[in-house]
Amino acid sequence: MNDSKIYALVTYDVTDDKLRKKLAKHICKYGVRVQKSAFEVWISKRNYKQMQKGINGLIDEQKDSVRIYRLPIDCGISLYGKNVVIDKASVQIL
């Protein structure tokens, strides 16, 4: 399997507080929270699949919504106001 990196934006709308906290904790293993319900991830394809599997196991598919937008590595991002700047070169998954 090619282990190249994937850059993605993960957003969610989860109704249950307990599930929402578990989901955020899970995604936090793979990326950086940039808003209350949004994370940027810069991970290997293997870790991307693990993240997806974990997300699928945590949500209530009848009530909750998770969206993962895979972005091109060289996408442009405009930041306004207070923001977390993600330096992709410095992100490491342990």
Protein backbone atom coordinates (compact mmCIF):
# COMPACT_ATOMS: atom_id res chain seq x y z
CA MET A 1 0.00 0.00 0.00
CA ASN A 2 1.28 3.45 -0.90
CA ASP A 3 1.84 5.32 2.35
CA SER A 4 1.69 8.88 0.94
CA LYS A 5 0.09 11.63 3.01
CA ILE A 6 -3.51 12.79 2.90
CA TYR A 7 -4.58 16.29 3.85
CA ALA A 8 -8.23 16.54 4.88
CA LEU A 9 -10.80 18.63 6.70
CA VAL A 10 -13.05 16.64 9.05
CA THR A 11 -16.29 18.26 10.22
CA TYR A 12 -19.08 16.84 12.28
CA ASP A 13 -22.51 17.46 13.76
CA VAL A 14 -23.16 15.03 16.62
CA THR A 15 -26.22 15.39 18.85
CA ASP A 16 -25.11 13.41 21.92
CA ASP A 17 -22.57 15.19 24.17
CA LYS A 18 -20.85 11.96 25.25
CA LEU A 19 -20.48 10.69 21.67
CA ARG A 20 -19.32 14.12 20.49
CA LYS A 21 -16.53 14.15 23.10
CA LYS A 22 -15.45 10.61 22.14
CA LEU A 23 -15.46 11.54 18.46
CA ALA A 24 -13.40 14.69 19.05
CA LYS A 25 -10.91 12.72 21.16
CA HIS A 26 -10.61 10.12 18.39
CA ILE A 27 -10.04 12.66 15.61
CA CYS A 28 -7.59 14.57 17.82
CA LYS A 29 -5.26 11.53 17.59
CA TYR A 30 -4.91 12.24 13.88
CA GLY A 31 -5.16 16.00 13.47
CA VAL A 32 -5.56 19.45 14.93
CA ARG A 33 -8.83 21.06 15.99
CA VAL A 34 -9.26 24.29 14.05
CA GLN A 35 -12.84 25.02 15.16
CA LYS A 36 -15.24 23.43 17.66
CA SER A 37 -16.42 20.79 15.19
CA ALA A 38 -13.65 20.90 12.58
CA PHE A 39 -10.23 19.27 12.39
CA GLU A 40 -7.44 19.42 9.83
CA VAL A 41 -5.56 16.16 9.41
CA TRP A 42 -2.27 15.47 7.64
CA ILE A 43 -1.82 11.72 7.84
CA SER A 44 -0.75 8.58 6.00
CA LYS A 45 -3.29 6.60 3.99
CA ARG A 46 -3.07 3.81 6.59
CA ASN A 47 -3.91 6.20 9.45
CA TYR A 48 -6.64 7.79 7.33
CA LYS A 49 -8.38 4.43 7.02
CA GLN A 50 -7.99 3.83 10.77
CA MET A 51 -9.48 7.24 11.50
CA GLN A 52 -12.45 6.53 9.21
CA LYS A 53 -13.08 3.15 10.81
CA GLY A 54 -13.03 4.71 14.29
CA ILE A 55 -15.41 7.48 13.24
CA ASN A 56 -17.85 4.99 11.78
CA GLY A 57 -17.85 3.03 15.04
CA LEU A 58 -18.55 6.08 17.19
CA ILE A 59 -21.47 7.86 15.55
CA ASP A 60 -25.19 7.19 15.42
CA GLU A 61 -25.81 6.97 11.68
CA GLN A 62 -29.48 7.91 12.15
CA LYS A 63 -28.76 11.19 13.99
CA ASP A 64 -25.16 12.27 13.36
CA SER A 65 -23.20 13.60 10.41
CA VAL A 66 -19.46 13.49 9.69
CA ARG A 67 -17.94 14.95 6.53
CA ILE A 68 -14.36 14.41 5.43
CA TYR A 69 -13.10 16.65 2.65
CA ARG A 70 -9.86 15.38 1.12
CA LEU A 71 -7.89 18.41 0.00
CA PRO A 72 -5.04 18.75 -2.46
CA ILE A 73 -1.68 19.02 -0.74
CA ASP A 74 -1.05 22.43 -2.28
CA CYS A 75 -4.51 23.91 -1.63
CA GLY A 76 -4.65 27.56 -0.69
CA ILE A 77 -6.18 28.49 2.66
CA SER A 78 -7.21 31.99 3.67
CA LEU A 79 -7.26 32.66 7.41
CA TYR A 80 -9.05 35.57 9.09
CA GLY A 81 -9.24 36.37 12.78
CA LYS A 82 -7.92 34.05 15.47
CA ASN A 83 -6.71 30.86 13.77
CA VAL A 84 -4.48 27.87 14.32
CA VAL A 85 -1.93 27.69 11.53
CA ILE A 86 -1.12 24.10 10.57
CA ASP A 87 2.48 23.63 9.51
CA LYS A 88 2.21 20.31 7.65
CA ALA A 89 5.95 19.78 7.85
CA SER A 90 5.85 19.75 11.66
CA VAL A 91 2.86 17.40 12.20
CA GLN A 92 3.84 13.98 13.51
CA ILE A 93 1.53 11.11 14.46
CA LEU A 94 2.93 9.09 17.35
